[in-house]
Amino acid sequence: MGRLMGIDYGDKRIGIALSDELKIIASPYKVIINNGDNIFDEILREIKENNVEALIVGMPLSMSGGDTKQTIKVREFVDKLKKVIDIGIFIIDERLTTAEAMRTMHFKGEKIRHNKHKVDMISASLILQTYLDSRGKVGGYPKHSNDSEEDF
């Protein structure tokens, strides 16, 4: 039985989270430094090492649901991912996950300034947990990345 991987894409860092094998709980896993095309090799290695069945990528939409500059970058990232992997890629709205991750760290008494990598990992786990929780709801499967643009 495989796992799911949550991804919080950023210009400097990419937060990674993994589900348990039962696909119930998401946990922060690691951060990959975004250094260009080498990130795809690292993501592929993590997919193989952790028996990942599908990727859940957070889409940073504006508060009104429209695209932002970062939304365009994430779409380009997903398009490149599709060319190098052969597992499913699901997109999920990630609005406010970074704010929630920072609140979580603040609540735990951790300083954000020196732990930005933790914010990215926690954000990835929130993205993945949102997906896992949505699967049990009526019509609760988020859109697959191959769906039309209007579905995002």
C-alpha atoms as a PDB file:
ATOM      1  CA  MET A   1       0.000   0.000   0.000  1.00  0.00           C
ATOM      2  CA  GLY A   2       1.426   3.373  -1.003  1.00  0.00           C
ATOM      3  CA  ARG A   3       1.380   6.886   0.357  1.00  0.00           C
ATOM      4  CA  LEU A   4       0.316  10.272  -0.940  1.00  0.00           C
ATOM      5  CA  MET A   5       2.692  13.238  -1.118  1.00  0.00           C
ATOM      6  CA  GLY A   6       1.635  16.822  -0.489  1.00  0.00           C
ATOM      7  CA  ILE A   7       3.586  19.625  -2.159  1.00  0.00           C
ATOM      8  CA  ASP A   8       3.712  23.302  -1.239  1.00  0.00           C
ATOM      9  CA  TYR A   9       5.625  24.900  -4.127  1.00  0.00           C
ATOM     10  CA  GLY A  10       7.660  28.014  -3.438  1.00  0.00           C
ATOM     11  CA  ASP A  11      10.270  30.014  -5.320  1.00  0.00           C
ATOM     12  CA  LYS A  12      12.955  29.196  -2.735  1.00  0.00           C
ATOM     13  CA  ARG A  13      11.710  26.054  -1.002  1.00  0.00           C
ATOM     14  CA  ILE A  14       9.273  23.245  -1.741  1.00  0.00           C
ATOM     15  CA  GLY A  15       7.535  21.827   1.305  1.00  0.00           C
ATOM     16  CA  ILE A  16       6.872  18.094   1.244  1.00  0.00           C
ATOM     17  CA  ALA A  17       4.437  16.087   3.377  1.00  0.00           C
ATOM     18  CA  LEU A  18       3.598  12.386   3.341  1.00  0.00           C
ATOM     19  CA  SER A  19       0.507  10.467   4.325  1.00  0.00           C
ATOM     20  CA  ASP A  20       0.572   7.293   6.324  1.00  0.00           C
ATOM     21  CA  GLU A  21       0.027   4.097   4.334  1.00  0.00           C
ATOM     22  CA  LEU A  22      -3.675   4.061   5.232  1.00  0.00           C
ATOM     23  CA  LYS A  23      -3.958   7.572   3.750  1.00  0.00           C
ATOM     24  CA  ILE A  24      -5.568   9.030   6.861  1.00  0.00           C
ATOM     25  CA  ILE A  25      -2.963  11.337   8.401  1.00  0.00           C
ATOM     26  CA  ALA A  26      -0.592  13.815   6.735  1.00  0.00           C
ATOM     27  CA  SER A  27       2.758  14.594   8.341  1.00  0.00           C
ATOM     28  CA  PRO A  28       5.402  17.203   7.504  1.00  0.00           C
ATOM     29  CA  TYR A  29       8.332  15.403   5.862  1.00  0.00           C
ATOM     30  CA  LYS A  30      11.034  17.637   4.407  1.00  0.00           C
ATOM     31  CA  VAL A  31      11.917  20.695   2.356  1.00  0.00           C
ATOM     32  CA  ILE A  32      13.560  20.602  -1.046  1.00  0.00           C
ATOM     33  CA  ILE A  33      15.554  23.683  -1.975  1.00  0.00           C
ATOM     34  CA  ASN A  34      14.169  25.009  -5.261  1.00  0.00           C
ATOM     35  CA  ASN A  35      17.291  25.153  -7.405  1.00  0.00           C
ATOM     36  CA  GLY A  36      15.747  24.714 -10.832  1.00  0.00           C
ATOM     37  CA  ASP A  37      15.291  21.518 -12.801  1.00  0.00           C
ATOM     38  CA  ASN A  38      17.197  19.369 -10.266  1.00  0.00           C
ATOM     39  CA  ILE A  39      14.121  19.508  -8.033  1.00  0.00           C
ATOM     40  CA  PHE A  40      12.375  17.018 -10.292  1.00  0.00           C
ATOM     41  CA  ASP A  41      15.133  14.442  -9.711  1.00  0.00           C
ATOM     42  CA  GLU A  42      14.739  14.926  -5.951  1.00  0.00           C
ATOM     43  CA  ILE A  43      10.967  14.639  -6.123  1.00  0.00           C
ATOM     44  CA  LEU A  44      11.254  11.467  -8.229  1.00  0.00           C
ATOM     45  CA  ARG A  45      13.693   9.982  -5.703  1.00  0.00           C
ATOM     46  CA  GLU A  46      11.303  10.741  -2.828  1.00  0.00           C
ATOM     47  CA  ILE A  47       8.389   9.240  -4.775  1.00  0.00           C
ATOM     48  CA  LYS A  48      10.310   5.977  -5.242  1.00  0.00           C
ATOM     49  CA  GLU A  49      11.790   5.825  -1.728  1.00  0.00           C
ATOM     50  CA  ASN A  50       8.423   6.433  -0.063  1.00  0.00           C
ATOM     51  CA  ASN A  51       6.220   4.382  -2.392  1.00  0.00           C
ATOM     52  CA  VAL A  52       4.133   7.417  -3.360  1.00  0.00           C
ATOM     53  CA  GLU A  53       1.013   6.699  -5.426  1.00  0.00           C
ATOM     54  CA  ALA A  54      -0.096  10.287  -6.160  1.00  0.00           C
ATOM     55  CA  LEU A  55       0.894  13.905  -5.615  1.00  0.00           C
ATOM     56  CA  ILE A  56      -1.332  16.560  -4.090  1.00  0.00           C
ATOM     57  CA  VAL A  57      -0.153  20.028  -5.114  1.00  0.00           C
ATOM     58  CA  GLY A  58      -1.408  23.197  -3.483  1.00  0.00           C
ATOM     59  CA  MET A  59      -2.664  25.873  -5.876  1.00  0.00           C
ATOM     60  CA  PRO A  60      -2.221  29.403  -4.473  1.00  0.00           C
ATOM     61  CA  LEU A  61      -5.339  31.180  -5.667  1.00  0.00           C
ATOM     62  CA  SER A  62      -6.191  34.749  -4.710  1.00  0.00           C
ATOM     63  CA  MET A  63      -8.821  35.289  -2.030  1.00  0.00           C
ATOM     64  CA  SER A  64     -11.371  35.887  -4.819  1.00  0.00           C
ATOM     65  CA  GLY A  65     -10.402  32.561  -6.438  1.00  0.00           C
ATOM     66  CA  GLY A  66      -8.450  34.038  -9.326  1.00  0.00           C
ATOM     67  CA  ASP A  67      -4.891  33.535 -10.456  1.00  0.00           C
ATOM     68  CA  THR A  68      -1.881  35.270  -8.952  1.00  0.00           C
ATOM     69  CA  LYS A  69       1.730  35.418 -10.174  1.00  0.00           C
ATOM     70  CA  GLN A  70       2.464  32.433  -7.958  1.00  0.00           C
ATOM     71  CA  THR A  71      -0.522  30.510  -9.369  1.00  0.00           C
ATOM     72  CA  ILE A  72       1.051  30.748 -12.825  1.00  0.00           C
ATOM     73  CA  LYS A  73       4.402  29.477 -11.471  1.00  0.00           C
ATOM     74  CA  VAL A  74       2.709  26.527  -9.782  1.00  0.00           C
ATOM     75  CA  ARG A  75       0.828  25.643 -12.983  1.00  0.00           C
ATOM     76  CA  GLU A  76       4.161  25.652 -14.863  1.00  0.00           C
ATOM     77  CA  PHE A  77       5.680  23.452 -12.143  1.00  0.00           C
ATOM     78  CA  VAL A  78       2.765  20.986 -12.427  1.00  0.00           C
ATOM     79  CA  ASP A  79       3.086  20.924 -16.235  1.00  0.00           C
ATOM     80  CA  LYS A  80       6.781  20.003 -15.890  1.00  0.00           C
ATOM     81  CA  LEU A  81       5.958  17.384 -13.259  1.00  0.00           C
ATOM     82  CA  LYS A  82       3.490  15.727 -15.634  1.00  0.00           C
ATOM     83  CA  LYS A  83       6.326  15.243 -18.129  1.00  0.00           C
ATOM     84  CA  VAL A  84       8.634  13.420 -15.702  1.00  0.00           C
ATOM     85  CA  ILE A  85       6.330  11.303 -13.525  1.00  0.00           C
ATOM     86  CA  ASP A  86       3.682   8.726 -14.276  1.00  0.00           C
ATOM     87  CA  ILE A  87       1.512   8.937 -11.170  1.00  0.00           C
ATOM     88  CA  GLY A  88      -1.588  11.026 -10.577  1.00  0.00           C
ATOM     89  CA  ILE A  89      -1.279  14.700  -9.735  1.00  0.00           C
ATOM     90  CA  PHE A  90      -4.169  16.321  -7.918  1.00  0.00           C
ATOM     91  CA  ILE A  91      -4.569  20.057  -7.382  1.00  0.00           C
ATOM     92  CA  ILE A  92      -6.125  21.528  -4.255  1.00  0.00           C
ATOM     93  CA  ASP A  93      -6.841  25.103  -3.212  1.00  0.00           C
ATOM     94  CA  GLU A  94      -4.201  26.155  -0.703  1.00  0.00           C
ATOM     95  CA  ARG A  95      -5.475  29.585   0.292  1.00  0.00           C
ATOM     96  CA  LEU A  96      -4.410  30.506   3.835  1.00  0.00           C
ATOM     97  CA  THR A  97      -2.319  27.356   4.472  1.00  0.00           C
ATOM     98  CA  THR A  98       0.826  29.417   5.086  1.00  0.00           C
ATOM     99  CA  ALA A  99      -1.036  31.629   7.560  1.00  0.00           C
ATOM    100  CA  GLU A 100      -2.388  28.536   9.321  1.00  0.00           C
ATOM    101  CA  ALA A 101       1.097  26.978   9.409  1.00  0.00           C
ATOM    102  CA  MET A 102       2.519  30.152  10.984  1.00  0.00           C
ATOM    103  CA  ARG A 103      -0.309  30.197  13.560  1.00  0.00           C
ATOM    104  CA  THR A 104       0.505  26.587  14.421  1.00  0.00           C
ATOM    105  CA  MET A 105       4.154  27.404  14.951  1.00  0.00           C
ATOM    106  CA  HIS A 106       3.328  30.502  16.995  1.00  0.00           C
ATOM    107  CA  PHE A 107       0.997  28.435  19.181  1.00  0.00           C
ATOM    108  CA  LYS A 108       3.833  25.944  19.759  1.00  0.00           C
ATOM    109  CA  GLY A 109       6.167  28.807  20.703  1.00  0.00           C
ATOM    110  CA  GLU A 110       8.445  28.331  17.686  1.00  0.00           C
ATOM    111  CA  LYS A 111      10.041  31.309  15.983  1.00  0.00           C
ATOM    112  CA  ILE A 112       9.022  31.605  12.336  1.00  0.00           C
ATOM    113  CA  ARG A 113      11.891  33.803  11.209  1.00  0.00           C
ATOM    114  CA  HIS A 114      14.513  31.082  11.676  1.00  0.00           C
ATOM    115  CA  ASN A 115      12.251  28.152  10.795  1.00  0.00           C
ATOM    116  CA  LYS A 116      10.778  29.026   7.402  1.00  0.00           C
ATOM    117  CA  HIS A 117      11.464  25.479   6.249  1.00  0.00           C
ATOM    118  CA  LYS A 118       9.060  24.262   8.952  1.00  0.00           C
ATOM    119  CA  VAL A 119       6.371  26.628   7.668  1.00  0.00           C
ATOM    120  CA  ASP A 120       6.747  25.053   4.213  1.00  0.00           C
ATOM    121  CA  MET A 121       6.537  21.499   5.573  1.00  0.00           C
ATOM    122  CA  ILE A 122       3.519  22.301   7.745  1.00  0.00           C
ATOM    123  CA  SER A 123       1.821  24.021   4.785  1.00  0.00           C
ATOM    124  CA  ALA A 124       2.399  20.905   2.672  1.00  0.00           C
ATOM    125  CA  SER A 125       0.888  18.740   5.412  1.00  0.00           C
ATOM    126  CA  LEU A 126      -2.168  21.042   5.622  1.00  0.00           C
ATOM    127  CA  ILE A 127      -2.613  20.763   1.844  1.00  0.00           C
ATOM    128  CA  LEU A 128      -2.361  16.987   2.014  1.00  0.00           C
ATOM    129  CA  GLN A 129      -4.616  16.688   5.075  1.00  0.00           C
ATOM    130  CA  THR A 130      -7.271  18.816   3.373  1.00  0.00           C
ATOM    131  CA  TYR A 131      -7.190  16.394   0.436  1.00  0.00           C
ATOM    132  CA  LEU A 132      -7.333  13.333   2.704  1.00  0.00           C
ATOM    133  CA  ASP A 133     -10.264  14.767   4.656  1.00  0.00           C
ATOM    134  CA  SER A 134     -12.151  15.684   1.473  1.00  0.00           C
ATOM    135  CA  ARG A 135     -12.110  12.129   0.147  1.00  0.00           C
ATOM    136  CA  GLY A 136     -14.718  10.995   2.639  1.00  0.00           C
ATOM    137  CA  LYS A 137     -17.219  13.711   1.775  1.00  0.00           C
ATOM    138  CA  VAL A 138     -19.934  13.530  -0.875  1.00  0.00           C
ATOM    139  CA  GLY A 139     -18.375  14.394  -4.212  1.00  0.00           C
ATOM    140  CA  GLY A 140     -15.192  15.009  -2.270  1.00  0.00           C
ATOM    141  CA  TYR A 141     -12.463  14.187  -4.737  1.00  0.00           C
ATOM    142  CA  PRO A 142     -10.496  17.276  -5.741  1.00  0.00           C
ATOM    143  CA  LYS A 143      -9.861  17.889  -9.401  1.00  0.00           C
ATOM    144  CA  HIS A 144      -7.096  16.002 -11.195  1.00  0.00           C
ATOM    145  CA  SER A 145      -4.489  18.169 -12.874  1.00  0.00           C
ATOM    146  CA  ASN A 146      -5.553  16.905 -16.286  1.00  0.00           C
ATOM    147  CA  ASP A 147      -9.000  18.436 -15.854  1.00  0.00           C
ATOM    148  CA  SER A 148      -9.842  21.631 -17.688  1.00  0.00           C
ATOM    149  CA  GLU A 149      -8.590  24.991 -16.426  1.00  0.00           C
ATOM    150  CA  GLU A 150     -12.112  26.014 -15.401  1.00  0.00           C
ATOM    151  CA  ASP A 151     -12.103  23.252 -12.798  1.00  0.00           C
ATOM    152  CA  PHE A 152      -9.376  24.918 -10.766  1.00  0.00           C
END
